[in-house]
All heavy atoms as atom14 arrays in JSON, in Angstrom:
{
  "sequence": "TRLDNVSLRIPPASLTAVVGPNGAGKTTLLQAIAGITPPPRGTVQ",
  "atom14_mask": [
    [1, 1, 1, 1, 1, 1, 1, 0, 0, 0, 0, 0, 0, 0],
    [1, 1, 1, 1, 1, 1, 1, 1, 1, 1, 1, 0, 0, 0],
    [1, 1, 1, 1, 1, 1, 1, 1, 0, 0, 0, 0, 0, 0],
    [1, 1, 1, 1, 1, 1, 1, 1, 0, 0, 0, 0, 0, 0],
    [1, 1, 1, 1, 1, 1, 1, 1, 0, 0, 0, 0, 0, 0],
    [1, 1, 1, 1, 1, 1, 1, 0, 0, 0, 0, 0, 0, 0],
    [1, 1, 1, 1, 1, 1, 0, 0, 0, 0, 0, 0, 0, 0],
    [1, 1, 1, 1, 1, 1, 1, 1, 0, 0, 0, 0, 0, 0],
    [1, 1, 1, 1, 1, 1, 1, 1, 1, 1, 1, 0, 0, 0],
    [1, 1, 1, 1, 1, 1, 1, 1, 0, 0, 0, 0, 0, 0],
    [1, 1, 1, 1, 1, 1, 1, 0, 0, 0, 0, 0, 0, 0],
    [1, 1, 1, 1, 1, 1, 1, 0, 0, 0, 0, 0, 0, 0],
    [1, 1, 1, 1, 1, 0, 0, 0, 0, 0, 0, 0, 0, 0],
    [1, 1, 1, 1, 1, 1, 0, 0, 0, 0, 0, 0, 0, 0],
    [1, 1, 1, 1, 1, 1, 1, 1, 0, 0, 0, 0, 0, 0],
    [1, 1, 1, 1, 1, 1, 1, 0, 0, 0, 0, 0, 0, 0],
    [1, 1, 1, 1, 1, 0, 0, 0, 0, 0, 0, 0, 0, 0],
    [1, 1, 1, 1, 1, 1, 1, 0, 0, 0, 0, 0, 0, 0],
    [1, 1, 1, 1, 1, 1, 1, 0, 0, 0, 0, 0, 0, 0],
    [1, 1, 1, 1, 0, 0, 0, 0, 0, 0, 0, 0, 0, 0],
    [1, 1, 1, 1, 1, 1, 1, 0, 0, 0, 0, 0, 0, 0],
    [1, 1, 1, 1, 1, 1, 1, 1, 0, 0, 0, 0, 0, 0],
    [1, 1, 1, 1, 0, 0, 0, 0, 0, 0, 0, 0, 0, 0],
    [1, 1, 1, 1, 1, 0, 0, 0, 0, 0, 0, 0, 0, 0],
    [1, 1, 1, 1, 0, 0, 0, 0, 0, 0, 0, 0, 0, 0],
    [1, 1, 1, 1, 1, 1, 1, 1, 1, 0, 0, 0, 0, 0],
    [1, 1, 1, 1, 1, 1, 1, 0, 0, 0, 0, 0, 0, 0],
    [1, 1, 1, 1, 1, 1, 1, 0, 0, 0, 0, 0, 0, 0],
    [1, 1, 1, 1, 1, 1, 1, 1, 0, 0, 0, 0, 0, 0],
    [1, 1, 1, 1, 1, 1, 1, 1, 0, 0, 0, 0, 0, 0],
    [1, 1, 1, 1, 1, 1, 1, 1, 1, 0, 0, 0, 0, 0],
    [1, 1, 1, 1, 1, 0, 0, 0, 0, 0, 0, 0, 0, 0],
    [1, 1, 1, 1, 1, 1, 1, 1, 0, 0, 0, 0, 0, 0],
    [1, 1, 1, 1, 1, 0, 0, 0, 0, 0, 0, 0, 0, 0],
    [1, 1, 1, 1, 0, 0, 0, 0, 0, 0, 0, 0, 0, 0],
    [1, 1, 1, 1, 1, 1, 1, 1, 0, 0, 0, 0, 0, 0],
    [1, 1, 1, 1, 1, 1, 1, 0, 0, 0, 0, 0, 0, 0],
    [1, 1, 1, 1, 1, 1, 1, 0, 0, 0, 0, 0, 0, 0],
    [1, 1, 1, 1, 1, 1, 1, 0, 0, 0, 0, 0, 0, 0],
    [1, 1, 1, 1, 1, 1, 1, 0, 0, 0, 0, 0, 0, 0],
    [1, 1, 1, 1, 1, 1, 1, 1, 1, 1, 1, 0, 0, 0],
    [1, 1, 1, 1, 0, 0, 0, 0, 0, 0, 0, 0, 0, 0],
    [1, 1, 1, 1, 1, 1, 1, 0, 0, 0, 0, 0, 0, 0],
    [1, 1, 1, 1, 1, 1, 1, 0, 0, 0, 0, 0, 0, 0],
    [1, 1, 1, 1, 1, 1, 1, 1, 1, 0, 0, 0, 0, 0]
  ],
  "atom14_positions": [
    [[4.21, 8.89, -17.19], [4.56, 9.91, -16.2], [3.43, 9.96, -15.17], [2.31, 10.35, -15.49], [4.73, 11.29, -16.86], [5.8, 11.22, -17.81], [5.06, 12.35, -15.83], [0.0, 0.0, 0.0], [0.0, 0.0, 0.0], [0.0, 0.0, 0.0], [0.0, 0.0, 0.0], [0.0, 0.0, 0.0], [0.0, 0.0, 0.0], [0.0, 0.0, 0.0]],
    [[3.74, 9.56, -13.94], [2.72, 9.53, -12.88], [2.57, 10.89, -12.22], [1.46, 11.3, -11.87], [3.12, 8.49, -11.83], [3.29, 7.08, -12.38], [1.97, 6.48, -12.76], [2.11, 5.1, -13.18], [1.09, 4.32, -13.54], [-0.14, 4.8, -13.52], [1.29, 3.08, -13.91], [0.0, 0.0, 0.0], [0.0, 0.0, 0.0], [0.0, 0.0, 0.0]],
    [[3.68, 11.57, -11.98], [3.68, 12.93, -11.43], [4.57, 13.79, -12.31], [5.67, 13.38, -12.69], [4.18, 12.95, -9.99], [3.34, 12.23, -8.94], [4.04, 12.27, -7.58], [1.95, 12.84, -8.82], [0.0, 0.0, 0.0], [0.0, 0.0, 0.0], [0.0, 0.0, 0.0], [0.0, 0.0, 0.0], [0.0, 0.0, 0.0], [0.0, 0.0, 0.0]],
    [[4.12, 15.01, -12.58], [4.83, 15.87, -13.52], [5.13, 17.21, -12.85], [4.27, 18.09, -12.75], [3.97, 16.08, -14.77], [4.69, 16.84, -15.86], [5.88, 17.14, -15.7], [4.05, 17.12, -16.89], [0.0, 0.0, 0.0], [0.0, 0.0, 0.0], [0.0, 0.0, 0.0], [0.0, 0.0, 0.0], [0.0, 0.0, 0.0], [0.0, 0.0, 0.0]],
    [[6.36, 17.36, -12.33], [6.85, 18.62, -11.79], [5.92, 19.17, -10.7], [5.51, 20.32, -10.71], [7.01, 19.65, -12.91], [7.87, 20.83, -12.49], [8.8, 20.68, -11.69], [7.55, 22.0, -13.01], [0.0, 0.0, 0.0], [0.0, 0.0, 0.0], [0.0, 0.0, 0.0], [0.0, 0.0, 0.0], [0.0, 0.0, 0.0], [0.0, 0.0, 0.0]],
    [[5.64, 18.32, -9.71], [4.7, 18.67, -8.63], [5.44, 19.39, -7.51], [6.49, 18.94, -7.05], [4.02, 17.4, -8.09], [3.32, 17.68, -6.77], [3.05, 16.85, -9.12], [0.0, 0.0, 0.0], [0.0, 0.0, 0.0], [0.0, 0.0, 0.0], [0.0, 0.0, 0.0], [0.0, 0.0, 0.0], [0.0, 0.0, 0.0], [0.0, 0.0, 0.0]],
    [[4.86, 20.49, -7.03], [5.39, 21.22, -5.88], [4.22, 21.6, -4.97], [3.16, 22.03, -5.45], [6.13, 22.49, -6.32], [7.26, 22.18, -7.1], [0.0, 0.0, 0.0], [0.0, 0.0, 0.0], [0.0, 0.0, 0.0], [0.0, 0.0, 0.0], [0.0, 0.0, 0.0], [0.0, 0.0, 0.0], [0.0, 0.0, 0.0], [0.0, 0.0, 0.0]],
    [[4.41, 21.44, -3.66], [3.4, 21.88, -2.69], [4.02, 21.97, -1.32], [5.09, 21.41, -1.06], [2.2, 20.91, -2.65], [2.39, 19.54, -1.97], [1.07, 19.06, -1.4], [2.93, 18.53, -2.95], [0.0, 0.0, 0.0], [0.0, 0.0, 0.0], [0.0, 0.0, 0.0], [0.0, 0.0, 0.0], [0.0, 0.0, 0.0], [0.0, 0.0, 0.0]],
    [[3.34, 22.7, -0.43], [3.78, 22.89, 0.95], [2.6, 22.62, 1.87], [1.54, 23.23, 1.73], [4.29, 24.33, 1.15], [5.56, 24.66, 0.36], [5.72, 26.16, 0.17], [5.94, 26.87, 1.42], [7.13, 27.08, 1.99], [8.22, 26.6, 1.41], [7.24, 27.76, 3.11], [0.0, 0.0, 0.0], [0.0, 0.0, 0.0], [0.0, 0.0, 0.0]],
    [[2.78, 21.68, 2.8], [1.73, 21.3, 3.73], [2.09, 21.84, 5.11], [3.14, 21.5, 5.67], [1.57, 19.76, 3.8], [1.33, 19.17, 2.41], [0.45, 19.4, 4.77], [0.07, 19.65, 1.76], [0.0, 0.0, 0.0], [0.0, 0.0, 0.0], [0.0, 0.0, 0.0], [0.0, 0.0, 0.0], [0.0, 0.0, 0.0], [0.0, 0.0, 0.0]],
    [[1.25, 22.71, 5.68], [1.58, 23.3, 6.99], [1.49, 22.26, 8.11], [0.76, 21.27, 8.01], [0.51, 24.38, 7.16], [-0.62, 23.96, 6.3], [-0.02, 23.22, 5.14], [0.0, 0.0, 0.0], [0.0, 0.0, 0.0], [0.0, 0.0, 0.0], [0.0, 0.0, 0.0], [0.0, 0.0, 0.0], [0.0, 0.0, 0.0], [0.0, 0.0, 0.0]],
    [[2.23, 22.48, 9.18], [2.15, 21.56, 10.32], [0.79, 21.64, 11.0], [0.08, 22.64, 10.89], [3.26, 22.06, 11.25], [3.46, 23.49, 10.88], [3.18, 23.6, 9.42], [0.0, 0.0, 0.0], [0.0, 0.0, 0.0], [0.0, 0.0, 0.0], [0.0, 0.0, 0.0], [0.0, 0.0, 0.0], [0.0, 0.0, 0.0], [0.0, 0.0, 0.0]],
    [[0.44, 20.55, 11.68], [-0.81, 20.47, 12.44], [-2.01, 20.86, 11.58], [-2.87, 21.63, 11.99], [-0.73, 21.36, 13.68], [0.0, 0.0, 0.0], [0.0, 0.0, 0.0], [0.0, 0.0, 0.0], [0.0, 0.0, 0.0], [0.0, 0.0, 0.0], [0.0, 0.0, 0.0], [0.0, 0.0, 0.0], [0.0, 0.0, 0.0], [0.0, 0.0, 0.0]],
    [[-2.07, 20.31, 10.38], [-3.18, 20.57, 9.47], [-3.71, 19.25, 8.93], [-3.03, 18.22, 9.0], [-2.74, 21.47, 8.31], [-1.74, 20.82, 7.53], [0.0, 0.0, 0.0], [0.0, 0.0, 0.0], [0.0, 0.0, 0.0], [0.0, 0.0, 0.0], [0.0, 0.0, 0.0], [0.0, 0.0, 0.0], [0.0, 0.0, 0.0], [0.0, 0.0, 0.0]],
    [[-4.92, 19.3, 8.39], [-5.56, 18.13, 7.78], [-5.8, 18.47, 6.31], [-6.63, 19.31, 5.98], [-6.87, 17.82, 8.49], [-7.69, 16.61, 8.02], [-6.83, 15.35, 7.96], [-8.89, 16.39, 8.92], [0.0, 0.0, 0.0], [0.0, 0.0, 0.0], [0.0, 0.0, 0.0], [0.0, 0.0, 0.0], [0.0, 0.0, 0.0], [0.0, 0.0, 0.0]],
    [[-5.03, 17.82, 5.43], [-5.04, 18.14, 4.0], [-5.55, 16.95, 3.21], [-5.16, 15.8, 3.46], [-3.63, 18.49, 3.51], [-3.18, 19.65, 4.21], [-3.61, 18.77, 2.02], [0.0, 0.0, 0.0], [0.0, 0.0, 0.0], [0.0, 0.0, 0.0], [0.0, 0.0, 0.0], [0.0, 0.0, 0.0], [0.0, 0.0, 0.0], [0.0, 0.0, 0.0]],
    [[-6.42, 17.21, 2.24], [-6.94, 16.16, 1.36], [-6.35, 16.32, -0.03], [-6.22, 17.43, -0.55], [-8.46, 16.24, 1.27], [0.0, 0.0, 0.0], [0.0, 0.0, 0.0], [0.0, 0.0, 0.0], [0.0, 0.0, 0.0], [0.0, 0.0, 0.0], [0.0, 0.0, 0.0], [0.0, 0.0, 0.0], [0.0, 0.0, 0.0], [0.0, 0.0, 0.0]],
    [[-5.99, 15.19, -0.63], [-5.57, 15.14, -2.03], [-6.71, 14.48, -2.8], [-7.11, 13.35, -2.49], [-4.27, 14.35, -2.21], [-3.86, 14.32, -3.68], [-3.16, 14.95, -1.36], [0.0, 0.0, 0.0], [0.0, 0.0, 0.0], [0.0, 0.0, 0.0], [0.0, 0.0, 0.0], [0.0, 0.0, 0.0], [0.0, 0.0, 0.0], [0.0, 0.0, 0.0]],
    [[-7.26, 15.19, -3.78], [-8.42, 14.69, -4.52], [-8.14, 14.72, -6.01], [-7.25, 15.45, -6.48], [-9.69, 15.51, -4.2], [-10.0, 15.48, -2.72], [-9.55, 16.95, -4.69], [0.0, 0.0, 0.0], [0.0, 0.0, 0.0], [0.0, 0.0, 0.0], [0.0, 0.0, 0.0], [0.0, 0.0, 0.0], [0.0, 0.0, 0.0], [0.0, 0.0, 0.0]],
    [[-8.91, 13.96, -6.75], [-8.76, 13.93, -8.2], [-9.35, 12.66, -8.77], [-9.73, 11.74, -8.03], [0.0, 0.0, 0.0], [0.0, 0.0, 0.0], [0.0, 0.0, 0.0], [0.0, 0.0, 0.0], [0.0, 0.0, 0.0], [0.0, 0.0, 0.0], [0.0, 0.0, 0.0], [0.0, 0.0, 0.0], [0.0, 0.0, 0.0], [0.0, 0.0, 0.0]],
    [[-9.43, 12.55, -10.09], [-10.0, 11.35, -10.71], [-9.12, 10.14, -10.48], [-7.95, 10.25, -10.09], [-10.02, 11.71, -12.22], [-9.79, 13.18, -12.29], [-9.02, 13.57, -11.09], [0.0, 0.0, 0.0], [0.0, 0.0, 0.0], [0.0, 0.0, 0.0], [0.0, 0.0, 0.0], [0.0, 0.0, 0.0], [0.0, 0.0, 0.0], [0.0, 0.0, 0.0]],
    [[-9.68, 8.95, -10.73], [-8.88, 7.74, -10.67], [-7.72, 7.84, -11.65], [-7.88, 8.27, -12.79], [-9.72, 6.51, -11.04], [-10.76, 6.2, -9.98], [-11.95, 6.16, -10.28], [-10.33, 5.98, -8.77], [0.0, 0.0, 0.0], [0.0, 0.0, 0.0], [0.0, 0.0, 0.0], [0.0, 0.0, 0.0], [0.0, 0.0, 0.0], [0.0, 0.0, 0.0]],
    [[-6.52, 7.45, -11.19], [-5.35, 7.48, -12.05], [-4.69, 8.84, -12.17], [-3.75, 9.01, -12.95], [0.0, 0.0, 0.0], [0.0, 0.0, 0.0], [0.0, 0.0, 0.0], [0.0, 0.0, 0.0], [0.0, 0.0, 0.0], [0.0, 0.0, 0.0], [0.0, 0.0, 0.0], [0.0, 0.0, 0.0], [0.0, 0.0, 0.0], [0.0, 0.0, 0.0]],
    [[-5.15, 9.82, -11.37], [-4.6, 11.17, -11.48], [-3.21, 11.28, -10.88], [-2.44, 12.18, -11.23], [-5.53, 12.17, -10.78], [0.0, 0.0, 0.0], [0.0, 0.0, 0.0], [0.0, 0.0, 0.0], [0.0, 0.0, 0.0], [0.0, 0.0, 0.0], [0.0, 0.0, 0.0], [0.0, 0.0, 0.0], [0.0, 0.0, 0.0], [0.0, 0.0, 0.0]],
    [[-2.84, 10.38, -9.96], [-1.54, 10.44, -9.31], [-1.59, 10.64, -7.82], [-0.57, 10.88, -7.18], [0.0, 0.0, 0.0], [0.0, 0.0, 0.0], [0.0, 0.0, 0.0], [0.0, 0.0, 0.0], [0.0, 0.0, 0.0], [0.0, 0.0, 0.0], [0.0, 0.0, 0.0], [0.0, 0.0, 0.0], [0.0, 0.0, 0.0], [0.0, 0.0, 0.0]],
    [[-2.77, 10.51, -7.22], [-2.92, 10.75, -5.78], [-2.08, 9.77, -4.96], [-1.3, 10.19, -4.09], [-4.4, 10.63, -5.39], [-5.34, 11.59, -6.1], [-6.76, 11.47, -5.61], [-7.37, 10.11, -5.85], [-7.49, 9.79, -7.29], [0.0, 0.0, 0.0], [0.0, 0.0, 0.0], [0.0, 0.0, 0.0], [0.0, 0.0, 0.0], [0.0, 0.0, 0.0]],
    [[-2.25, 8.48, -5.23], [-1.5, 7.47, -4.47], [-0.01, 7.6, -4.74], [0.81, 7.45, -3.82], [-1.99, 6.07, -4.84], [-3.37, 5.94, -4.42], [-1.17, 4.99, -4.15], [0.0, 0.0, 0.0], [0.0, 0.0, 0.0], [0.0, 0.0, 0.0], [0.0, 0.0, 0.0], [0.0, 0.0, 0.0], [0.0, 0.0, 0.0], [0.0, 0.0, 0.0]],
    [[0.38, 7.89, -5.96], [1.8, 8.06, -6.29], [2.4, 9.19, -5.49], [3.52, 9.08, -4.96], [1.97, 8.33, -7.8], [1.4, 7.24, -8.53], [3.44, 8.47, -8.16], [0.0, 0.0, 0.0], [0.0, 0.0, 0.0], [0.0, 0.0, 0.0], [0.0, 0.0, 0.0], [0.0, 0.0, 0.0], [0.0, 0.0, 0.0], [0.0, 0.0, 0.0]],
    [[1.67, 10.3, -5.35], [2.16, 11.44, -4.58], [2.33, 11.05, -3.11], [3.38, 11.34, -2.5], [1.19, 12.61, -4.71], [1.49, 13.84, -3.85], [2.87, 14.41, -4.18], [0.4, 14.91, -4.03], [0.0, 0.0, 0.0], [0.0, 0.0, 0.0], [0.0, 0.0, 0.0], [0.0, 0.0, 0.0], [0.0, 0.0, 0.0], [0.0, 0.0, 0.0]],
    [[1.33, 10.39, -2.54], [1.43, 10.01, -1.14], [2.57, 9.02, -0.91], [3.3, 9.12, 0.09], [0.11, 9.38, -0.67], [-1.13, 10.26, -0.64], [-2.25, 9.57, 0.12], [-0.85, 11.62, -0.03], [0.0, 0.0, 0.0], [0.0, 0.0, 0.0], [0.0, 0.0, 0.0], [0.0, 0.0, 0.0], [0.0, 0.0, 0.0], [0.0, 0.0, 0.0]],
    [[2.75, 8.07, -1.81], [3.81, 7.09, -1.65], [5.19, 7.71, -1.81], [6.15, 7.28, -1.17], [3.61, 5.93, -2.62], [2.4, 5.08, -2.28], [2.27, 3.85, -3.14], [2.97, 3.7, -4.15], [1.38, 2.94, -2.77], [0.0, 0.0, 0.0], [0.0, 0.0, 0.0], [0.0, 0.0, 0.0], [0.0, 0.0, 0.0], [0.0, 0.0, 0.0]],
    [[5.3, 8.74, -2.63], [6.58, 9.44, -2.74], [6.88, 10.23, -1.47], [8.02, 10.25, -0.99], [6.56, 10.38, -3.96], [0.0, 0.0, 0.0], [0.0, 0.0, 0.0], [0.0, 0.0, 0.0], [0.0, 0.0, 0.0], [0.0, 0.0, 0.0], [0.0, 0.0, 0.0], [0.0, 0.0, 0.0], [0.0, 0.0, 0.0], [0.0, 0.0, 0.0]],
    [[5.87, 10.87, -0.9], [6.05, 11.59, 0.36], [6.47, 10.63, 1.46], [7.34, 10.95, 2.29], [4.75, 12.33, 0.74], [4.5, 13.5, -0.22], [4.81, 12.84, 2.18], [3.16, 14.18, -0.04], [0.0, 0.0, 0.0], [0.0, 0.0, 0.0], [0.0, 0.0, 0.0], [0.0, 0.0, 0.0], [0.0, 0.0, 0.0], [0.0, 0.0, 0.0]],
    [[5.88, 9.43, 1.46], [6.16, 8.46, 2.52], [7.43, 7.66, 2.27], [7.83, 6.87, 3.14], [4.98, 7.51, 2.66], [0.0, 0.0, 0.0], [0.0, 0.0, 0.0], [0.0, 0.0, 0.0], [0.0, 0.0, 0.0], [0.0, 0.0, 0.0], [0.0, 0.0, 0.0], [0.0, 0.0, 0.0], [0.0, 0.0, 0.0], [0.0, 0.0, 0.0]],
    [[8.05, 7.82, 1.11], [9.27, 7.08, 0.81], [9.03, 5.68, 0.31], [9.99, 4.92, 0.1], [0.0, 0.0, 0.0], [0.0, 0.0, 0.0], [0.0, 0.0, 0.0], [0.0, 0.0, 0.0], [0.0, 0.0, 0.0], [0.0, 0.0, 0.0], [0.0, 0.0, 0.0], [0.0, 0.0, 0.0], [0.0, 0.0, 0.0], [0.0, 0.0, 0.0]],
    [[7.77, 5.28, 0.1], [7.48, 3.95, -0.44], [7.95, 3.88, -1.89], [8.53, 2.88, -2.32], [5.98, 3.65, -0.32], [5.6, 3.59, 1.16], [5.63, 2.35, -1.02], [4.12, 3.54, 1.4], [0.0, 0.0, 0.0], [0.0, 0.0, 0.0], [0.0, 0.0, 0.0], [0.0, 0.0, 0.0], [0.0, 0.0, 0.0], [0.0, 0.0, 0.0]],
    [[7.68, 4.94, -2.63], [8.34, 5.16, -3.92], [9.45, 6.17, -3.65], [9.16, 7.36, -3.47], [7.35, 5.72, -4.96], [6.27, 4.81, -5.13], [8.06, 5.95, -6.29], [0.0, 0.0, 0.0], [0.0, 0.0, 0.0], [0.0, 0.0, 0.0], [0.0, 0.0, 0.0], [0.0, 0.0, 0.0], [0.0, 0.0, 0.0], [0.0, 0.0, 0.0]],
    [[10.72, 5.73, -3.55], [11.78, 6.64, -3.12], [11.88, 7.88, -4.01], [12.05, 7.77, -5.23], [13.05, 5.77, -3.24], [12.55, 4.36, -3.14], [11.22, 4.36, -3.8], [0.0, 0.0, 0.0], [0.0, 0.0, 0.0], [0.0, 0.0, 0.0], [0.0, 0.0, 0.0], [0.0, 0.0, 0.0], [0.0, 0.0, 0.0], [0.0, 0.0, 0.0]],
    [[11.72, 9.06, -3.43], [11.79, 10.29, -4.24], [13.25, 10.67, -4.52], [14.14, 10.32, -3.74], [11.13, 11.32, -3.33], [11.44, 10.85, -1.94], [11.45, 9.34, -2.01], [0.0, 0.0, 0.0], [0.0, 0.0, 0.0], [0.0, 0.0, 0.0], [0.0, 0.0, 0.0], [0.0, 0.0, 0.0], [0.0, 0.0, 0.0], [0.0, 0.0, 0.0]],
    [[13.52, 11.37, -5.61], [14.88, 11.87, -5.85], [15.31, 12.82, -4.74], [14.48, 13.46, -4.07], [14.75, 12.6, -7.19], [13.52, 12.04, -7.83], [12.6, 11.71, -6.71], [0.0, 0.0, 0.0], [0.0, 0.0, 0.0], [0.0, 0.0, 0.0], [0.0, 0.0, 0.0], [0.0, 0.0, 0.0], [0.0, 0.0, 0.0], [0.0, 0.0, 0.0]],
    [[16.6, 12.91, -4.52], [17.12, 13.81, -3.49], [16.65, 15.24, -3.74], [16.61, 15.71, -4.86], [18.66, 13.79, -3.48], [19.25, 12.56, -2.81], [20.78, 12.59, -2.88], [21.36, 11.45, -2.19], [21.81, 11.49, -0.95], [21.75, 12.63, -0.27], [22.32, 10.41, -0.39], [0.0, 0.0, 0.0], [0.0, 0.0, 0.0], [0.0, 0.0, 0.0]],
    [[16.27, 15.88, -2.64], [15.89, 17.28, -2.7], [14.46, 17.54, -3.1], [14.03, 18.7, -3.13], [0.0, 0.0, 0.0], [0.0, 0.0, 0.0], [0.0, 0.0, 0.0], [0.0, 0.0, 0.0], [0.0, 0.0, 0.0], [0.0, 0.0, 0.0], [0.0, 0.0, 0.0], [0.0, 0.0, 0.0], [0.0, 0.0, 0.0], [0.0, 0.0, 0.0]],
    [[13.67, 16.48, -3.41], [12.3, 16.72, -3.89], [11.25, 16.62, -2.79], [10.16, 17.17, -2.93], [11.94, 15.73, -5.0], [12.1, 14.39, -4.51], [12.82, 15.94, -6.23], [0.0, 0.0, 0.0], [0.0, 0.0, 0.0], [0.0, 0.0, 0.0], [0.0, 0.0, 0.0], [0.0, 0.0, 0.0], [0.0, 0.0, 0.0], [0.0, 0.0, 0.0]],
    [[11.55, 15.93, -1.69], [10.59, 15.79, -0.59], [11.3, 16.09, 0.72], [12.29, 15.44, 1.07], [9.98, 14.38, -0.53], [9.06, 14.25, 0.69], [9.19, 14.07, -1.8], [0.0, 0.0, 0.0], [0.0, 0.0, 0.0], [0.0, 0.0, 0.0], [0.0, 0.0, 0.0], [0.0, 0.0, 0.0], [0.0, 0.0, 0.0], [0.0, 0.0, 0.0]],
    [[10.78, 17.09, 1.44], [11.31, 17.47, 2.75], [10.26, 17.14, 3.82], [9.09, 17.51, 3.68], [11.62, 18.97, 2.79], [12.62, 19.44, 1.76], [14.05, 19.16, 2.2], [14.37, 19.27, 3.38], [14.89, 18.81, 1.24], [0.0, 0.0, 0.0], [0.0, 0.0, 0.0], [0.0, 0.0, 0.0], [0.0, 0.0, 0.0], [0.0, 0.0, 0.0]]
  ]
}
């Protein structure tokens, strides 16, 4: 399980950092947001 029931809201015109240990899921989260790892319907707006 790379990401487990993750929810967050990023405001417009902001600079947000995702931090954590190696293997925590940072890249997986970004790739899901970007559609590189296609997210399930309704999970990424």
